[in-house]
Amino acid sequence: MKVAIVGVTGYSGTVLWQLLSQHPNVTEINIYTTQADLEAVAQQFDWQTKQTVRVLPFDAGQIMADNDVAFFATPAGVTGELAEAFMANHFPIIDLSGDLRLQDPQAYQKWYHRAAEVSRETLSHATYGLTEFTATTDYIANPGCYATATLMGLAPLVQERLIDLDSVIVDAKSGVTGSGKKLSQATHYVDVDENFSLYKLNQHQHIPEIMQQLKQWAPDMGPIQFTTGLLPVKRGLMATIYAKVTADSADVNEIIAAAFQATYMDKPFVKILANDMPDLRLVVGSNMTAIGWSYNPVTHIVTIVSVIDNLMKGAAGQAVQNFNQYFGFDETAGLAQLPLMI
């Protein structure tokens, strides 16, 4: 299997290249860039391999001729400009940016603060690739990291209507790699180390894709309160979710446990904790999602904690999972990494 990676200089693109380099079904990786200095892109891999990494100029026709699938690990707006040729030829693409996630171009413009380059008709053919819940098609929109953790934590309760759909509050926190490689004061070491800060309160671009998916599960889903924070760590993401439980029963804990068990019992990358809460060390370095919960019978509030590695399950790992699903490979192929723990 020959694969193309378009855009490999960011954190997600680099991790994607690492994963595909070890994938048992990948025989060749071709890296493409729209940057003029091809050598500068290639040099970033010198420390990782003794082999010469070949970086090629972006050419849609050549990519389709020489590969079986194309991954786009590019900033917002780039895939929208480049993907039409692939989609017109029904060539499979897996996009790690947000360009194919939202079905409404106006919503994209509102939340990404740029005009949508992809038509509504084209977007209607793209699949939102939350792999535990979606069958993939030729055009896969890899979910955002905050969206993945939040949706994985909410899915069983929303699908089974166990919570008040107008009561959801999400307090999510991510490591600094979630902000990308672009230099900024907010991610400067001196400002991040031994600190914690909030950003994009109720304005994060992953909110509309969360709502889009929740409304597919429950059309009467109400809006969510969504807060994002920056942790002083490199990678890892924790979504703490609060919701009012509607079940009026002494067996609420058993009902919630049964919902999570039924949803994820056959999912290799989901770990459900019984009577415990996950922390980042359970998942960092792996493609796992770890989920725990606690129900307060006094307030009737359930607290769900969902943790992922933002570069793995939140980006490159889920992209490989989508790749495996699309081509019928073992779901865990290329994703055997265990959490780092130490």
Protein backbone atom coordinates (compact mmCIF):
# COMPACT_ATOMS: atom_id res chain seq x y z
CA MET A 1 0.00 0.00 0.00
CA LYS A 2 1.44 3.35 -1.09
CA VAL A 3 0.37 6.38 0.91
CA ALA A 4 0.85 10.11 0.44
CA ILE A 5 1.17 12.62 3.26
CA VAL A 6 0.52 16.23 2.34
CA GLY A 7 1.89 18.53 5.02
CA VAL A 8 4.23 16.81 7.45
CA THR A 9 5.99 19.63 9.28
CA GLY A 10 3.41 20.01 12.08
CA TYR A 11 3.16 17.84 15.16
CA SER A 12 0.25 15.77 13.85
CA GLY A 13 1.92 15.25 10.47
CA THR A 14 5.15 14.10 12.09
CA VAL A 15 3.36 11.60 14.34
CA LEU A 16 1.34 10.39 11.34
CA TRP A 17 4.56 9.74 9.43
CA GLN A 18 5.97 7.83 12.40
CA LEU A 19 2.89 5.63 12.66
CA LEU A 20 2.68 4.88 8.95
CA SER A 21 6.42 4.11 8.87
CA GLN A 22 5.70 1.17 11.19
CA HIS A 23 2.42 0.09 9.61
CA PRO A 24 2.53 -3.54 8.40
CA ASN A 25 0.39 -2.79 5.33
CA VAL A 26 2.26 0.32 4.16
CA THR A 27 5.04 -0.34 1.67
CA GLU A 28 5.84 3.23 0.64
CA ILE A 29 5.31 6.72 2.03
CA ASN A 30 5.56 9.73 -0.23
CA ILE A 31 5.69 13.16 1.38
CA TYR A 32 4.39 16.20 -0.51
CA THR A 33 4.49 19.87 0.36
CA THR A 34 3.35 23.17 -1.05
CA GLN A 35 6.42 24.84 0.43
CA ALA A 36 9.12 25.98 -1.98
CA ASP A 37 12.08 24.73 0.09
CA LEU A 38 11.80 20.95 -0.20
CA GLU A 39 15.17 20.36 1.46
CA ALA A 40 14.14 22.24 4.59
CA VAL A 41 11.12 19.96 4.98
CA ALA A 42 13.23 16.83 4.48
CA GLN A 43 15.82 17.92 7.04
CA GLN A 44 13.36 17.72 9.90
CA PHE A 45 13.49 13.92 9.58
CA ASP A 46 17.28 13.59 9.67
CA TRP A 47 17.32 12.82 13.39
CA GLN A 48 14.62 10.15 13.10
CA THR A 49 15.95 7.87 10.39
CA LYS A 50 19.14 6.87 8.59
CA GLN A 51 17.18 6.68 5.37
CA THR A 52 16.88 9.68 3.09
CA VAL A 53 13.37 11.08 3.27
CA ARG A 54 12.20 12.24 -0.12
CA VAL A 55 9.94 15.28 -0.19
CA LEU A 56 8.10 16.07 -3.42
CA PRO A 57 6.30 19.20 -4.64
CA PHE A 58 2.53 19.00 -4.41
CA ASP A 59 0.92 17.80 -7.64
CA ALA A 60 -2.57 16.34 -7.38
CA GLY A 61 -2.30 14.28 -10.55
CA GLN A 62 1.05 12.80 -9.58
CA ILE A 63 -0.17 11.99 -6.08
CA MET A 64 -3.15 10.09 -7.43
CA ALA A 65 -1.00 8.25 -9.96
CA ASP A 66 1.64 7.16 -7.45
CA ASN A 67 -0.40 6.42 -4.32
CA ASP A 68 -3.47 4.61 -3.05
CA VAL A 69 -4.60 7.21 -0.49
CA ALA A 70 -3.67 10.74 0.56
CA PHE A 71 -3.50 12.08 4.11
CA PHE A 72 -3.74 15.84 4.56
CA ALA A 73 -2.03 17.06 7.74
CA THR A 74 -2.27 20.71 6.80
CA PRO A 75 -3.53 23.90 8.50
CA ALA A 76 -7.15 24.97 8.14
CA GLY A 77 -7.94 26.19 4.64
CA VAL A 78 -5.29 24.20 2.78
CA THR A 79 -7.25 20.99 2.22
CA GLY A 80 -10.21 23.02 1.04
CA GLU A 81 -8.06 24.54 -1.68
CA LEU A 82 -6.38 21.28 -2.73
CA ALA A 83 -8.92 18.50 -2.22
CA GLU A 84 -11.43 19.16 -5.01
CA ALA A 85 -9.30 17.41 -7.64
CA PHE A 86 -9.06 14.28 -5.50
CA MET A 87 -12.76 14.25 -4.71
CA ALA A 88 -13.67 14.81 -8.35
CA ASN A 89 -11.71 11.64 -9.16
CA HIS A 90 -13.10 9.67 -6.20
CA PHE A 91 -9.61 9.31 -4.79
CA PRO A 92 -9.62 8.50 -1.06
CA ILE A 93 -8.40 11.24 1.27
CA ILE A 94 -8.13 11.48 5.04
CA ASP A 95 -8.06 15.07 6.25
CA LEU A 96 -6.69 15.93 9.70
CA SER A 97 -7.71 19.59 9.43
CA GLY A 98 -11.21 20.93 9.96
CA ASP A 99 -11.95 21.66 6.31
CA LEU A 100 -14.27 18.68 5.68
CA ARG A 101 -15.84 18.30 9.13
CA LEU A 102 -18.69 20.79 8.99
CA GLN A 103 -21.50 20.16 6.52
CA ASP A 104 -22.49 23.84 6.44
CA PRO A 105 -19.97 26.17 4.73
CA GLN A 106 -21.42 29.13 6.63
CA ALA A 107 -20.71 27.41 9.94
CA TYR A 108 -17.14 26.85 8.79
CA GLN A 109 -16.75 30.54 7.96
CA LYS A 110 -18.18 31.54 11.34
CA TRP A 111 -15.99 29.27 13.46
CA TYR A 112 -12.77 29.20 11.40
CA HIS A 113 -12.94 32.89 10.43
CA ARG A 114 -12.23 32.20 6.77
CA ALA A 115 -14.28 31.47 3.69
CA ALA A 116 -15.04 27.82 3.05
CA GLU A 117 -13.21 26.51 -0.02
CA VAL A 118 -15.35 23.38 -0.25
CA SER A 119 -18.90 23.42 -1.60
CA ARG A 120 -21.91 22.18 0.36
CA GLU A 121 -22.37 19.43 -2.23
CA THR A 122 -18.80 18.22 -1.78
CA LEU A 123 -19.07 18.36 2.01
CA SER A 124 -22.18 16.19 1.89
CA HIS A 125 -20.04 13.32 0.58
CA ALA A 126 -17.47 13.54 3.38
CA THR A 127 -17.63 11.22 6.39
CA TYR A 128 -17.02 12.48 9.92
CA GLY A 129 -14.53 9.80 10.91
CA LEU A 130 -15.21 9.15 14.59
CA THR A 131 -14.16 5.57 14.05
CA GLU A 132 -16.04 3.89 16.88
CA PHE A 133 -19.32 5.17 15.41
CA THR A 134 -18.82 5.78 11.70
CA ALA A 135 -18.33 3.66 8.59
CA THR A 136 -15.76 5.39 6.40
CA THR A 137 -16.21 6.55 2.80
CA ASP A 138 -13.76 7.91 0.21
CA TYR A 139 -13.50 11.31 1.92
CA ILE A 140 -12.81 11.15 5.64
CA ALA A 141 -12.81 14.16 7.93
CA ASN A 142 -10.71 13.23 10.95
CA PRO A 143 -12.40 14.67 14.07
CA GLY A 144 -10.75 17.32 16.20
CA CYS A 145 -9.05 16.37 19.47
CA TYR A 146 -11.50 18.16 21.79
CA ALA A 147 -14.40 16.79 19.77
CA THR A 148 -13.11 13.23 19.98
CA ALA A 149 -12.70 13.22 23.76
CA THR A 150 -16.02 14.98 24.34
CA LEU A 151 -18.08 12.83 21.98
CA MET A 152 -16.57 9.59 23.27
CA GLY A 153 -17.54 10.59 26.80
CA LEU A 154 -21.06 11.68 25.90
CA ALA A 155 -22.07 9.13 23.26
CA PRO A 156 -23.58 6.37 25.46
CA LEU A 157 -25.54 8.83 27.60
CA VAL A 158 -26.87 10.88 24.69
CA GLN A 159 -27.73 7.88 22.53
CA GLU A 160 -29.60 6.20 25.39
CA ARG A 161 -31.22 9.50 26.49
CA LEU A 162 -29.93 9.09 30.04
CA ILE A 163 -29.21 12.80 30.53
CA ASP A 164 -31.01 16.11 30.16
CA LEU A 165 -29.94 17.20 26.69
CA ASP A 166 -29.95 20.87 27.75
CA SER A 167 -27.66 20.38 30.74
CA VAL A 168 -24.24 19.50 29.28
CA ILE A 169 -21.18 21.42 30.48
CA VAL A 170 -17.69 20.52 29.22
CA ASP A 171 -14.45 21.66 30.82
CA ALA A 172 -11.66 20.46 28.52
CA LYS A 173 -7.90 20.92 28.82
CA SER A 174 -5.14 20.09 26.33
CA GLY A 175 -1.37 19.92 26.19
CA VAL A 176 0.56 22.59 24.31
CA THR A 177 1.00 20.53 21.13
CA GLY A 178 -2.74 20.98 20.57
CA SER A 179 -2.00 24.60 19.65
CA GLY A 180 0.30 23.56 16.81
CA LYS A 181 3.88 24.55 16.02
CA LYS A 182 3.23 28.16 15.10
CA LEU A 183 5.02 30.50 17.50
CA SER A 184 2.84 32.52 19.83
CA GLN A 185 3.11 34.24 23.19
CA ALA A 186 0.39 31.97 24.61
CA THR A 187 2.50 28.83 24.04
CA HIS A 188 5.87 30.33 24.99
CA TYR A 189 7.64 28.11 27.53
CA VAL A 190 7.90 30.85 30.13
CA ASP A 191 4.16 31.51 29.96
CA VAL A 192 3.07 27.86 29.92
CA ASP A 193 5.41 26.27 32.46
CA GLU A 194 3.96 26.07 35.99
CA ASN A 195 0.84 27.81 34.74
CA PHE A 196 -2.70 27.09 33.61
CA SER A 197 -4.81 29.32 31.39
CA LEU A 198 -8.17 29.31 29.62
CA TYR A 199 -8.66 30.26 25.99
CA LYS A 200 -11.40 30.44 23.37
CA LEU A 201 -14.21 30.10 25.93
CA ASN A 202 -17.32 29.04 23.98
CA GLN A 203 -15.48 30.02 20.78
CA HIS A 204 -13.37 26.96 20.03
CA GLN A 205 -13.70 25.71 16.45
CA HIS A 206 -14.40 22.15 17.61
CA ILE A 207 -17.73 23.15 19.17
CA PRO A 208 -19.78 23.06 15.92
CA GLU A 209 -18.55 19.59 14.96
CA ILE A 210 -19.41 18.35 18.47
CA MET A 211 -22.92 19.78 18.13
CA GLN A 212 -23.27 18.45 14.58
CA GLN A 213 -22.55 14.90 15.76
CA LEU A 214 -24.62 15.15 18.95
CA LYS A 215 -27.62 16.27 16.92
CA GLN A 216 -27.24 13.25 14.68
CA TRP A 217 -27.55 11.07 17.77
CA ALA A 218 -30.28 13.24 19.35
CA PRO A 219 -31.94 15.84 17.08
CA ASP A 220 -33.34 17.71 20.10
CA MET A 221 -29.88 18.11 21.65
CA GLY A 222 -29.48 21.53 23.28
CA PRO A 223 -26.38 23.74 23.15
CA ILE A 224 -23.42 22.88 25.35
CA GLN A 225 -21.28 25.07 27.60
CA PHE A 226 -17.70 24.49 26.44
CA THR A 227 -14.50 25.71 28.10
CA THR A 228 -10.96 25.01 26.88
CA GLY A 229 -7.75 25.32 28.85
CA LEU A 230 -4.00 24.98 28.23
CA LEU A 231 -2.13 22.46 30.38
CA PRO A 232 1.63 22.84 31.05
CA VAL A 233 2.35 19.48 29.35
CA LYS A 234 3.36 18.57 25.81
CA ARG A 235 0.56 16.16 24.98
CA GLY A 236 -2.62 14.77 26.44
CA LEU A 237 -6.22 16.00 26.67
CA MET A 238 -8.81 15.67 29.43
CA ALA A 239 -12.50 16.48 28.94
CA THR A 240 -14.49 16.72 32.17
CA ILE A 241 -18.17 16.58 31.32
CA TYR A 242 -21.14 17.36 33.59
CA ALA A 243 -24.78 16.55 32.85
CA LYS A 244 -28.08 16.11 34.69
CA VAL A 245 -29.20 12.48 34.79
CA THR A 246 -32.85 11.91 33.88
CA ALA A 247 -33.13 8.31 35.05
CA ASP A 248 -35.18 8.17 38.27
CA SER A 249 -33.90 4.96 39.75
CA ALA A 250 -31.82 3.63 42.61
CA ASP A 251 -29.75 1.82 40.01
CA VAL A 252 -28.44 4.88 38.16
CA ASN A 253 -24.80 3.76 38.44
CA GLU A 254 -25.65 0.36 37.02
CA ILE A 255 -27.63 1.94 34.17
CA ILE A 256 -24.75 4.26 33.27
CA ALA A 257 -22.23 1.42 33.50
CA ALA A 258 -24.38 -0.76 31.24
CA ALA A 259 -24.60 2.03 28.64
CA PHE A 260 -20.83 2.49 28.49
CA GLN A 261 -20.23 -1.26 28.44
CA ALA A 262 -22.73 -1.86 25.62
CA THR A 263 -21.25 0.98 23.54
CA TYR A 264 -17.57 0.16 23.92
CA MET A 265 -17.29 -3.51 24.86
CA ASP A 266 -15.86 -4.50 21.45
CA LYS A 267 -13.81 -1.33 20.84
CA PRO A 268 -10.06 -2.05 21.16
CA PHE A 269 -9.06 1.57 21.79
CA VAL A 270 -11.52 2.38 24.59
CA LYS A 271 -10.85 1.61 28.25
CA ILE A 272 -13.77 2.00 30.65
CA LEU A 273 -12.74 2.43 34.28
CA ALA A 274 -14.98 1.06 36.99
CA ASN A 275 -15.23 3.26 40.09
CA ASP A 276 -12.19 5.30 39.13
CA MET A 277 -11.18 8.36 37.12
CA PRO A 278 -8.54 8.32 34.36
CA ASP A 279 -5.49 10.53 34.17
CA LEU A 280 -3.32 11.51 31.21
CA ARG A 281 -0.66 8.87 31.88
CA LEU A 282 -3.15 6.15 31.01
CA VAL A 283 -3.25 7.26 27.39
CA VAL A 284 -0.30 9.51 26.43
CA GLY A 285 1.71 7.83 23.67
CA SER A 286 -1.16 5.52 22.71
CA ASN A 287 -4.35 5.61 20.66
CA MET A 288 -6.49 4.80 23.70
CA THR A 289 -9.45 6.66 25.11
CA ALA A 290 -9.91 6.14 28.85
CA ILE A 291 -13.28 7.02 30.38
CA GLY A 292 -14.50 7.13 33.97
CA TRP A 293 -17.56 8.62 35.63
CA SER A 294 -19.11 9.42 39.01
CA TYR A 295 -22.76 10.03 39.81
CA ASN A 296 -23.86 12.39 42.59
CA PRO A 297 -27.27 11.26 43.91
CA VAL A 298 -27.75 14.56 45.74
CA THR A 299 -27.45 16.81 42.67
CA HIS A 300 -28.35 14.10 40.12
CA ILE A 301 -25.26 15.18 38.17
CA VAL A 302 -22.99 12.68 36.45
CA THR A 303 -19.36 13.66 35.93
CA ILE A 304 -17.62 11.94 33.02
CA VAL A 305 -13.87 12.18 32.50
CA SER A 306 -12.57 11.29 29.03
CA VAL A 307 -8.83 11.39 28.31
CA ILE A 308 -6.87 10.95 25.08
CA ASP A 309 -3.48 11.77 23.61
CA ASN A 310 -4.30 14.78 21.43
CA LEU A 311 -1.70 13.77 18.81
CA MET A 312 -2.79 10.12 18.70
CA LYS A 313 -6.52 9.46 19.17
CA GLY A 314 -7.02 13.22 18.75
CA ALA A 315 -5.20 13.37 15.41
CA ALA A 316 -2.72 10.98 13.75
CA GLY A 317 -3.74 7.80 15.59
CA GLN A 318 -7.39 8.18 14.67
CA ALA A 319 -6.37 8.99 11.09
CA VAL A 320 -4.56 5.63 10.92
CA GLN A 321 -7.60 3.98 12.52
CA ASN A 322 -9.74 5.47 9.74
CA PHE A 323 -7.19 4.27 7.19
CA ASN A 324 -7.40 0.74 8.61
CA GLN A 325 -11.18 0.79 8.57
CA TYR A 326 -11.41 2.08 5.01
CA PHE A 327 -9.05 -0.53 3.57
CA GLY A 328 -10.27 -3.41 5.72
CA PHE A 329 -7.05 -3.83 7.69
CA ASP A 330 -6.95 -4.93 11.31
CA GLU A 331 -8.21 -1.93 13.30
CA THR A 332 -5.12 -1.98 15.51
CA ALA A 333 -2.57 -2.21 12.65
CA GLY A 334 0.23 0.30 13.17
CA LEU A 335 -1.25 1.38 16.49
CA ALA A 336 0.25 -1.08 18.95
CA GLN A 337 1.97 1.59 21.05
CA LEU A 338 1.28 1.34 24.78
CA PRO A 339 0.94 4.42 26.99
CA LEU A 340 4.29 5.87 28.06
CA MET A 341 3.28 5.85 31.76
CA ILE A 342 6.71 7.08 32.93
